[in-house]
N, C-alpha and C. Protein backbone atom coordinates (compact mmCIF):
# COMPACT_ATOMS: atom_id res chain seq x y z
N MET A 1 -38.96 18.03 107.16
CA MET A 1 -37.52 18.16 107.38
C MET A 1 -36.78 18.30 106.06
N ALA A 2 -37.21 17.53 105.05
CA ALA A 2 -36.55 17.58 103.75
C ALA A 2 -36.67 18.96 103.12
N SER A 3 -37.74 19.70 103.44
CA SER A 3 -37.90 21.03 102.87
C SER A 3 -36.99 22.05 103.55
N ILE A 4 -36.47 21.73 104.72
CA ILE A 4 -35.57 22.65 105.44
C ILE A 4 -34.13 22.40 105.04
N VAL A 5 -33.74 21.13 104.99
CA VAL A 5 -32.35 20.78 104.67
C VAL A 5 -32.16 20.87 103.16
N GLY A 6 -31.10 21.54 102.76
CA GLY A 6 -30.80 21.68 101.34
C GLY A 6 -30.13 23.02 101.10
N PHE A 7 -29.59 23.16 99.91
CA PHE A 7 -28.89 24.39 99.57
C PHE A 7 -29.32 24.79 98.17
N PRO A 8 -29.61 26.07 97.97
CA PRO A 8 -30.08 26.50 96.65
C PRO A 8 -28.99 26.40 95.59
N ASN A 9 -29.44 26.17 94.38
CA ASN A 9 -28.55 26.15 93.23
C ASN A 9 -29.34 26.63 92.02
N PRO A 10 -28.97 27.76 91.45
CA PRO A 10 -27.84 28.61 91.75
C PRO A 10 -28.11 29.53 92.95
N VAL A 11 -27.09 30.31 93.27
CA VAL A 11 -27.11 31.24 94.39
C VAL A 11 -26.96 32.66 93.84
N ASN A 12 -27.61 33.61 94.48
CA ASN A 12 -27.40 35.01 94.10
C ASN A 12 -26.10 35.48 94.75
N GLU A 13 -25.08 35.73 93.93
CA GLU A 13 -23.78 36.12 94.47
C GLU A 13 -23.85 37.42 95.26
N LYS A 14 -24.78 38.29 94.91
CA LYS A 14 -24.91 39.55 95.65
C LYS A 14 -25.30 39.28 97.10
N ALA A 15 -26.20 38.35 97.33
CA ALA A 15 -26.59 37.99 98.69
C ALA A 15 -25.42 37.33 99.42
N ALA A 16 -24.70 36.46 98.72
CA ALA A 16 -23.54 35.80 99.34
C ALA A 16 -22.48 36.82 99.75
N ARG A 17 -22.29 37.84 98.93
CA ARG A 17 -21.30 38.87 99.25
C ARG A 17 -21.74 39.73 100.44
N VAL A 18 -23.03 39.95 100.57
CA VAL A 18 -23.55 40.69 101.73
C VAL A 18 -23.28 39.89 103.00
N VAL A 19 -23.58 38.60 102.96
CA VAL A 19 -23.32 37.73 104.11
C VAL A 19 -21.83 37.78 104.46
N ALA A 20 -20.99 37.65 103.46
CA ALA A 20 -19.54 37.68 103.69
C ALA A 20 -19.11 39.01 104.31
N GLY A 21 -19.70 40.10 103.89
CA GLY A 21 -19.37 41.40 104.45
C GLY A 21 -19.69 41.49 105.92
N VAL A 22 -20.85 40.97 106.30
CA VAL A 22 -21.23 40.98 107.72
C VAL A 22 -20.32 40.05 108.52
N VAL A 23 -19.97 38.91 107.96
CA VAL A 23 -19.04 37.99 108.64
C VAL A 23 -17.68 38.66 108.83
N ALA A 24 -17.19 39.35 107.80
CA ALA A 24 -15.90 40.03 107.90
C ALA A 24 -15.93 41.10 108.97
N LEU A 25 -16.97 41.91 108.98
CA LEU A 25 -17.08 42.98 109.98
C LEU A 25 -17.24 42.43 111.39
N THR A 26 -18.05 41.41 111.55
CA THR A 26 -18.24 40.79 112.87
C THR A 26 -16.93 40.20 113.37
N SER A 27 -16.21 39.53 112.49
CA SER A 27 -14.93 38.94 112.88
C SER A 27 -13.92 40.03 113.25
N LEU A 28 -13.91 41.11 112.51
CA LEU A 28 -13.01 42.22 112.80
C LEU A 28 -13.35 42.85 114.16
N VAL A 29 -14.63 43.05 114.42
CA VAL A 29 -15.05 43.59 115.72
C VAL A 29 -14.60 42.66 116.84
N ALA A 30 -14.78 41.35 116.65
CA ALA A 30 -14.37 40.38 117.67
C ALA A 30 -12.87 40.44 117.93
N LEU A 31 -12.08 40.61 116.87
CA LEU A 31 -10.63 40.71 117.02
C LEU A 31 -10.23 41.99 117.74
N VAL A 32 -10.79 43.10 117.33
CA VAL A 32 -10.40 44.41 117.87
C VAL A 32 -10.83 44.57 119.33
N THR A 33 -12.02 44.08 119.65
CA THR A 33 -12.57 44.27 121.00
C THR A 33 -12.21 43.14 121.96
N GLY A 34 -11.77 42.00 121.42
CA GLY A 34 -11.53 40.83 122.26
C GLY A 34 -12.81 40.06 122.57
N TRP A 35 -13.88 40.41 121.90
CA TRP A 35 -15.17 39.72 122.10
C TRP A 35 -15.19 38.42 121.29
N HIS A 36 -14.35 37.50 121.67
CA HIS A 36 -14.22 36.25 120.92
C HIS A 36 -15.48 35.41 120.99
N TRP A 37 -16.34 35.70 121.95
CA TRP A 37 -17.62 34.99 122.05
C TRP A 37 -18.45 35.16 120.77
N LEU A 38 -18.14 36.18 119.96
CA LEU A 38 -18.87 36.36 118.69
C LEU A 38 -18.65 35.19 117.73
N LEU A 39 -17.64 34.35 118.04
CA LEU A 39 -17.48 33.14 117.24
C LEU A 39 -18.68 32.20 117.39
N LEU A 40 -19.37 32.26 118.50
CA LEU A 40 -20.53 31.38 118.71
C LEU A 40 -21.64 31.69 117.69
N PRO A 41 -22.12 32.94 117.57
CA PRO A 41 -23.13 33.18 116.53
C PRO A 41 -22.58 33.04 115.11
N LEU A 42 -21.30 33.34 114.91
CA LEU A 42 -20.71 33.12 113.59
C LEU A 42 -20.76 31.64 113.22
N ALA A 43 -20.39 30.79 114.17
CA ALA A 43 -20.42 29.34 113.92
C ALA A 43 -21.84 28.87 113.63
N TYR A 44 -22.79 29.34 114.44
CA TYR A 44 -24.19 28.96 114.18
C TYR A 44 -24.59 29.35 112.75
N GLY A 45 -24.27 30.58 112.36
CA GLY A 45 -24.65 31.05 111.04
C GLY A 45 -24.07 30.20 109.92
N PHE A 46 -22.78 29.87 110.03
CA PHE A 46 -22.16 29.04 109.01
C PHE A 46 -22.78 27.64 108.98
N ILE A 47 -23.00 27.06 110.15
CA ILE A 47 -23.62 25.72 110.20
C ILE A 47 -25.00 25.77 109.58
N ALA A 48 -25.80 26.76 109.97
CA ALA A 48 -27.16 26.88 109.43
C ALA A 48 -27.13 27.04 107.91
N ARG A 49 -26.25 27.90 107.40
CA ARG A 49 -26.20 28.12 105.95
C ARG A 49 -25.66 26.89 105.21
N ALA A 50 -24.70 26.18 105.79
CA ALA A 50 -24.17 24.98 105.13
C ALA A 50 -25.23 23.89 105.03
N ILE A 51 -26.08 23.79 106.04
CA ILE A 51 -27.09 22.74 106.06
C ILE A 51 -28.37 23.13 105.32
N THR A 52 -28.82 24.39 105.52
CA THR A 52 -30.14 24.78 105.01
C THR A 52 -30.11 25.96 104.06
N GLY A 53 -28.93 26.41 103.64
CA GLY A 53 -28.89 27.65 102.86
C GLY A 53 -29.33 28.78 103.77
N PRO A 54 -30.13 29.69 103.28
CA PRO A 54 -30.54 30.81 104.12
C PRO A 54 -31.71 30.50 105.05
N THR A 55 -32.32 29.34 104.92
CA THR A 55 -33.56 29.03 105.63
C THR A 55 -33.47 29.26 107.13
N LEU A 56 -32.44 28.76 107.81
CA LEU A 56 -32.32 28.90 109.27
C LEU A 56 -31.26 29.92 109.68
N SER A 57 -30.82 30.72 108.73
CA SER A 57 -29.82 31.74 109.01
C SER A 57 -30.46 33.12 108.93
N PRO A 58 -30.62 33.80 110.08
CA PRO A 58 -31.19 35.15 110.02
C PRO A 58 -30.39 36.07 109.08
N LEU A 59 -29.08 35.97 109.11
CA LEU A 59 -28.25 36.78 108.23
C LEU A 59 -28.48 36.41 106.76
N GLY A 60 -28.56 35.12 106.47
CA GLY A 60 -28.82 34.67 105.11
C GLY A 60 -30.17 35.16 104.60
N ARG A 61 -31.19 35.08 105.45
CA ARG A 61 -32.54 35.56 105.07
C ARG A 61 -32.51 37.06 104.81
N PHE A 62 -31.85 37.81 105.71
CA PHE A 62 -31.77 39.26 105.57
C PHE A 62 -31.05 39.64 104.27
N ALA A 63 -29.94 38.98 104.02
CA ALA A 63 -29.17 39.27 102.80
C ALA A 63 -29.99 38.95 101.56
N MET A 64 -30.68 37.82 101.56
CA MET A 64 -31.42 37.37 100.40
C MET A 64 -32.71 38.17 100.20
N ASP A 65 -33.45 38.41 101.28
CA ASP A 65 -34.78 39.02 101.16
C ASP A 65 -34.78 40.54 101.20
N VAL A 66 -33.80 41.15 101.89
CA VAL A 66 -33.83 42.59 102.09
C VAL A 66 -32.75 43.31 101.29
N VAL A 67 -31.50 42.90 101.45
CA VAL A 67 -30.40 43.67 100.86
C VAL A 67 -30.21 43.35 99.38
N ALA A 68 -30.04 42.10 99.03
CA ALA A 68 -29.73 41.73 97.64
C ALA A 68 -30.75 42.28 96.63
N PRO A 69 -32.05 42.23 96.91
CA PRO A 69 -33.00 42.79 95.92
C PRO A 69 -32.77 44.28 95.66
N ARG A 70 -32.22 44.98 96.63
CA ARG A 70 -31.96 46.41 96.46
C ARG A 70 -30.67 46.68 95.68
N LEU A 71 -29.91 45.63 95.40
CA LEU A 71 -28.65 45.77 94.68
C LEU A 71 -28.79 45.49 93.19
N GLY A 72 -30.01 45.34 92.72
CA GLY A 72 -30.24 45.11 91.30
C GLY A 72 -30.50 43.66 90.98
N GLU A 73 -30.42 43.36 89.70
CA GLU A 73 -30.67 42.00 89.22
C GLU A 73 -29.72 41.02 89.89
N PRO A 74 -30.21 39.83 90.22
CA PRO A 74 -29.33 38.83 90.83
C PRO A 74 -28.20 38.42 89.88
N LYS A 75 -27.07 38.08 90.47
CA LYS A 75 -25.97 37.49 89.70
C LYS A 75 -25.90 36.04 90.13
N ARG A 76 -26.26 35.16 89.27
CA ARG A 76 -26.37 33.75 89.60
C ARG A 76 -25.03 33.04 89.45
N VAL A 77 -24.67 32.28 90.51
CA VAL A 77 -23.46 31.47 90.50
C VAL A 77 -23.83 30.08 91.02
N PRO A 78 -23.04 29.06 90.69
CA PRO A 78 -23.35 27.71 91.14
C PRO A 78 -23.40 27.60 92.67
N GLY A 79 -24.37 26.83 93.17
CA GLY A 79 -24.54 26.65 94.61
C GLY A 79 -23.54 25.73 95.29
N PRO A 80 -23.18 24.58 94.69
CA PRO A 80 -22.30 23.65 95.40
C PRO A 80 -20.98 24.25 95.90
N PRO A 81 -20.28 25.09 95.12
CA PRO A 81 -19.05 25.67 95.66
C PRO A 81 -19.32 26.61 96.84
N LYS A 82 -20.43 27.33 96.79
CA LYS A 82 -20.78 28.24 97.90
C LYS A 82 -21.12 27.44 99.15
N ARG A 83 -21.80 26.31 98.96
CA ARG A 83 -22.11 25.46 100.11
C ARG A 83 -20.82 24.90 100.72
N PHE A 84 -19.90 24.50 99.88
CA PHE A 84 -18.60 24.01 100.35
C PHE A 84 -17.89 25.09 101.16
N ALA A 85 -17.92 26.32 100.65
CA ALA A 85 -17.30 27.44 101.36
C ALA A 85 -17.98 27.67 102.71
N GLN A 86 -19.30 27.56 102.77
CA GLN A 86 -20.02 27.70 104.04
C GLN A 86 -19.61 26.59 105.02
N ALA A 87 -19.41 25.38 104.49
CA ALA A 87 -18.98 24.27 105.35
C ALA A 87 -17.58 24.50 105.91
N ILE A 88 -16.69 25.05 105.10
CA ILE A 88 -15.35 25.37 105.59
C ILE A 88 -15.45 26.43 106.69
N GLY A 89 -16.27 27.44 106.47
CA GLY A 89 -16.50 28.46 107.49
C GLY A 89 -17.09 27.87 108.76
N ALA A 90 -17.98 26.90 108.60
CA ALA A 90 -18.58 26.23 109.76
C ALA A 90 -17.52 25.49 110.58
N VAL A 91 -16.64 24.79 109.90
CA VAL A 91 -15.58 24.06 110.60
C VAL A 91 -14.64 25.04 111.32
N ALA A 92 -14.21 26.07 110.62
CA ALA A 92 -13.25 27.02 111.21
C ALA A 92 -13.85 27.75 112.40
N THR A 93 -15.07 28.26 112.25
CA THR A 93 -15.67 29.01 113.37
C THR A 93 -16.07 28.10 114.52
N THR A 94 -16.44 26.87 114.22
CA THR A 94 -16.77 25.93 115.30
C THR A 94 -15.52 25.57 116.09
N ILE A 95 -14.41 25.36 115.40
CA ILE A 95 -13.13 25.12 116.10
C ILE A 95 -12.80 26.33 116.96
N GLY A 96 -12.93 27.52 116.39
CA GLY A 96 -12.66 28.74 117.15
C GLY A 96 -13.57 28.89 118.35
N ALA A 97 -14.85 28.57 118.18
CA ALA A 97 -15.80 28.69 119.28
C ALA A 97 -15.54 27.67 120.38
N VAL A 98 -15.32 26.41 119.99
CA VAL A 98 -15.13 25.35 120.98
C VAL A 98 -13.77 25.46 121.66
N VAL A 99 -12.71 25.46 120.87
CA VAL A 99 -11.36 25.46 121.43
C VAL A 99 -11.00 26.85 121.95
N GLY A 100 -11.29 27.86 121.15
CA GLY A 100 -10.89 29.21 121.51
C GLY A 100 -11.71 29.82 122.62
N VAL A 101 -13.03 29.69 122.53
CA VAL A 101 -13.91 30.34 123.50
C VAL A 101 -14.25 29.42 124.66
N LEU A 102 -14.81 28.26 124.37
CA LEU A 102 -15.28 27.38 125.44
C LEU A 102 -14.14 26.74 126.23
N LEU A 103 -13.03 26.40 125.55
CA LEU A 103 -11.89 25.80 126.25
C LEU A 103 -10.82 26.83 126.63
N GLY A 104 -10.99 28.06 126.19
CA GLY A 104 -10.14 29.15 126.61
C GLY A 104 -8.77 29.26 125.95
N VAL A 105 -8.60 28.65 124.78
CA VAL A 105 -7.33 28.76 124.07
C VAL A 105 -7.44 29.97 123.13
N GLU A 106 -7.11 31.14 123.66
CA GLU A 106 -7.34 32.40 122.97
C GLU A 106 -6.67 32.47 121.60
N ALA A 107 -5.50 31.89 121.46
CA ALA A 107 -4.78 31.94 120.19
C ALA A 107 -5.59 31.30 119.06
N VAL A 108 -6.31 30.24 119.37
CA VAL A 108 -7.13 29.57 118.35
C VAL A 108 -8.26 30.49 117.91
N ALA A 109 -8.90 31.15 118.86
CA ALA A 109 -9.97 32.09 118.52
C ALA A 109 -9.43 33.20 117.63
N ILE A 110 -8.28 33.73 117.97
CA ILE A 110 -7.68 34.83 117.21
C ILE A 110 -7.35 34.39 115.79
N VAL A 111 -6.76 33.21 115.63
CA VAL A 111 -6.40 32.71 114.30
C VAL A 111 -7.66 32.49 113.46
N MET A 112 -8.68 31.88 114.02
CA MET A 112 -9.90 31.62 113.26
C MET A 112 -10.61 32.92 112.88
N LEU A 113 -10.64 33.88 113.79
CA LEU A 113 -11.25 35.17 113.47
C LEU A 113 -10.46 35.91 112.38
N ALA A 114 -9.14 35.85 112.46
CA ALA A 114 -8.31 36.49 111.43
C ALA A 114 -8.56 35.85 110.07
N MET A 115 -8.67 34.54 110.03
CA MET A 115 -8.98 33.84 108.78
C MET A 115 -10.32 34.31 108.23
N MET A 116 -11.31 34.45 109.10
CA MET A 116 -12.62 34.90 108.66
C MET A 116 -12.55 36.32 108.10
N VAL A 117 -11.78 37.18 108.74
CA VAL A 117 -11.63 38.55 108.23
C VAL A 117 -11.06 38.51 106.81
N VAL A 118 -9.99 37.76 106.62
CA VAL A 118 -9.33 37.71 105.31
C VAL A 118 -10.24 37.09 104.25
N PHE A 119 -10.72 35.88 104.51
CA PHE A 119 -11.49 35.17 103.49
C PHE A 119 -12.84 35.82 103.22
N ALA A 120 -13.53 36.29 104.25
CA ALA A 120 -14.83 36.93 104.04
C ALA A 120 -14.66 38.28 103.34
N THR A 121 -13.57 38.99 103.62
CA THR A 121 -13.32 40.25 102.93
C THR A 121 -13.05 40.00 101.45
N LEU A 122 -12.27 38.98 101.14
CA LEU A 122 -12.01 38.63 99.73
C LEU A 122 -13.32 38.36 98.99
N GLU A 123 -14.22 37.62 99.63
CA GLU A 123 -15.52 37.31 99.02
C GLU A 123 -16.37 38.57 98.88
N SER A 124 -16.49 39.32 99.95
CA SER A 124 -17.37 40.48 99.97
C SER A 124 -16.91 41.60 99.05
N VAL A 125 -15.64 41.94 99.10
CA VAL A 125 -15.13 43.09 98.36
C VAL A 125 -14.75 42.74 96.92
N PHE A 126 -14.13 41.59 96.73
CA PHE A 126 -13.58 41.25 95.42
C PHE A 126 -14.29 40.10 94.71
N ALA A 127 -15.33 39.54 95.32
CA ALA A 127 -16.05 38.38 94.77
C ALA A 127 -15.10 37.21 94.54
N PHE A 128 -14.09 37.09 95.38
CA PHE A 128 -13.12 35.99 95.29
C PHE A 128 -13.41 35.03 96.43
N CYS A 129 -13.96 33.89 96.10
CA CYS A 129 -14.37 32.89 97.08
C CYS A 129 -13.28 31.82 97.20
N VAL A 130 -12.54 31.85 98.30
CA VAL A 130 -11.45 30.91 98.51
C VAL A 130 -11.99 29.48 98.61
N GLY A 131 -13.12 29.30 99.29
CA GLY A 131 -13.73 27.97 99.39
C GLY A 131 -14.15 27.45 98.02
N CYS A 132 -14.63 28.34 97.17
CA CYS A 132 -15.02 27.95 95.81
C CYS A 132 -13.80 27.52 94.99
N LEU A 133 -12.69 28.22 95.20
CA LEU A 133 -11.44 27.86 94.53
C LEU A 133 -10.98 26.47 94.98
N ALA A 134 -11.07 26.21 96.28
CA ALA A 134 -10.71 24.88 96.81
C ALA A 134 -11.64 23.82 96.23
N PHE A 135 -12.93 24.13 96.13
CA PHE A 135 -13.91 23.22 95.55
C PHE A 135 -13.51 22.86 94.11
N ALA A 136 -13.16 23.88 93.32
CA ALA A 136 -12.76 23.66 91.93
C ALA A 136 -11.51 22.78 91.86
N GLY A 137 -10.56 23.03 92.75
CA GLY A 137 -9.34 22.21 92.78
C GLY A 137 -9.64 20.77 93.12
N LEU A 138 -10.53 20.56 94.07
CA LEU A 138 -10.92 19.19 94.45
C LEU A 138 -11.68 18.50 93.31
N MET A 139 -12.44 19.26 92.56
CA MET A 139 -13.10 18.68 91.38
C MET A 139 -12.07 18.28 90.33
N ARG A 140 -11.08 19.14 90.12
CA ARG A 140 -10.04 18.86 89.10
C ARG A 140 -9.29 17.58 89.40
N ILE A 141 -9.00 17.33 90.69
CA ILE A 141 -8.24 16.12 91.01
C ILE A 141 -9.13 14.91 91.29
N GLY A 142 -10.45 15.08 91.14
CA GLY A 142 -11.36 13.95 91.24
C GLY A 142 -11.90 13.64 92.62
N VAL A 143 -11.59 14.46 93.62
CA VAL A 143 -12.11 14.22 94.97
C VAL A 143 -13.62 14.50 95.01
N ILE A 144 -14.03 15.56 94.33
CA ILE A 144 -15.45 15.88 94.20
C ILE A 144 -15.86 15.49 92.78
N PRO A 145 -16.88 14.64 92.65
CA PRO A 145 -17.30 14.20 91.31
C PRO A 145 -17.77 15.38 90.45
N GLU A 146 -17.48 15.32 89.15
CA GLU A 146 -17.85 16.40 88.25
C GLU A 146 -19.35 16.64 88.22
N ASP A 147 -20.16 15.59 88.36
CA ASP A 147 -21.61 15.78 88.29
C ASP A 147 -22.18 16.50 89.52
N THR A 148 -21.35 16.72 90.54
CA THR A 148 -21.80 17.49 91.70
C THR A 148 -22.13 18.91 91.28
N CYS A 149 -21.41 19.40 90.33
CA CYS A 149 -21.61 20.79 89.91
C CYS A 149 -21.44 20.90 88.41
N GLU A 150 -22.46 20.51 87.68
CA GLU A 150 -22.40 20.56 86.22
C GLU A 150 -22.16 21.99 85.73
N ALA A 151 -22.81 22.98 86.36
CA ALA A 151 -22.63 24.38 85.96
C ALA A 151 -21.22 24.86 86.23
N CYS A 152 -20.55 24.26 87.21
CA CYS A 152 -19.17 24.66 87.50
C CYS A 152 -18.24 24.26 86.36
N ASN A 153 -18.57 23.17 85.70
CA ASN A 153 -17.72 22.66 84.63
C ASN A 153 -17.95 23.37 83.31
N ASP A 154 -19.18 23.80 83.07
CA ASP A 154 -19.51 24.36 81.76
C ASP A 154 -20.10 25.75 81.93
N ILE A 155 -19.22 26.75 81.96
CA ILE A 155 -19.72 28.11 82.14
C ILE A 155 -20.55 28.56 80.95
N TRP A 156 -20.39 27.90 79.79
CA TRP A 156 -21.16 28.31 78.61
C TRP A 156 -22.62 27.95 78.76
N SER A 157 -22.96 27.08 79.71
CA SER A 157 -24.38 26.80 79.95
C SER A 157 -25.04 27.97 80.68
N ARG A 158 -24.23 28.80 81.36
CA ARG A 158 -24.75 29.96 82.07
C ARG A 158 -24.56 31.24 81.28
N TYR A 159 -23.51 31.32 80.46
CA TYR A 159 -23.17 32.54 79.76
C TYR A 159 -22.98 32.23 78.28
N GLY A 160 -23.43 33.10 77.44
CA GLY A 160 -23.22 32.93 76.01
C GLY A 160 -21.73 33.06 75.71
N ARG A 161 -21.33 32.66 74.55
CA ARG A 161 -19.91 32.74 74.16
C ARG A 161 -19.37 34.17 74.23
N ASP A 162 -20.28 35.15 74.13
CA ASP A 162 -19.83 36.53 74.21
C ASP A 162 -19.76 37.05 75.64
N GLY A 163 -20.09 36.19 76.62
CA GLY A 163 -20.01 36.58 78.03
C GLY A 163 -21.32 37.11 78.57
N ALA A 164 -22.33 37.29 77.72
CA ALA A 164 -23.63 37.77 78.23
C ALA A 164 -24.34 36.62 78.92
N ALA A 165 -25.07 36.98 79.95
CA ALA A 165 -25.79 35.96 80.71
C ALA A 165 -26.80 35.28 79.81
N GLY A 166 -26.76 33.97 79.84
CA GLY A 166 -27.72 33.19 79.07
C GLY A 166 -28.88 32.81 79.95
N PRO A 167 -29.77 31.97 79.46
CA PRO A 167 -30.91 31.59 80.26
C PRO A 167 -30.52 30.83 81.51
N GLY A 168 -29.46 30.02 81.41
CA GLY A 168 -28.94 29.30 82.58
C GLY A 168 -29.97 28.43 83.25
N PRO A 169 -29.62 27.87 84.40
CA PRO A 169 -30.53 26.99 85.11
C PRO A 169 -31.62 27.79 85.81
N ALA A 170 -32.68 27.10 86.19
CA ALA A 170 -33.72 27.74 86.99
C ALA A 170 -33.06 28.28 88.26
N ALA A 171 -33.49 29.42 88.70
CA ALA A 171 -32.71 30.10 89.75
C ALA A 171 -33.52 30.41 90.97
N THR A 172 -32.78 30.54 92.07
CA THR A 172 -33.31 31.09 93.30
C THR A 172 -32.40 32.23 93.68
N ASP A 173 -32.80 33.02 94.64
CA ASP A 173 -32.00 34.17 95.04
C ASP A 173 -31.32 33.93 96.37
N ALA A 174 -31.03 32.73 96.71
CA ALA A 174 -30.52 32.44 98.05
C ALA A 174 -29.07 32.80 98.22
N ALA A 175 -28.73 32.99 99.50
CA ALA A 175 -27.34 33.27 99.86
C ALA A 175 -26.67 32.04 100.39
């Protein structure tokens, strides 16, 4: 069980962006077609990725094993902020699935899907992770301890002073 539960650190940002792109497109399809039931697999995916990284997420595995390697060298980013972002997605899509789909409050499903379209598009297209930004803010005010993400605090441990990638931490290619 311990080998299943966990989240990689660092994460290949290219794989994370692929996952975000599929989430954005799926959410957009659900909004346009009214297929709000798509929140159910979206919620599963976010829960699986928040708990196990890509291990139990078919989309995470596909992004990490198939797509990201074809996009060139991995771009390594700290894992804890990405895990936090996955957890936020898990909460939002689970609320949308339970309240919006299972309890029939359509407005909740629509709001959660719209949020997924916006936030996942920002991540996929612009590499702007809203959950990661929230994570950094929570670290700044002391809600999340600094030692949770040492690489988040010291970018010079990952990049040389000139901005070139340094040796950085041991890496995985997970999404």
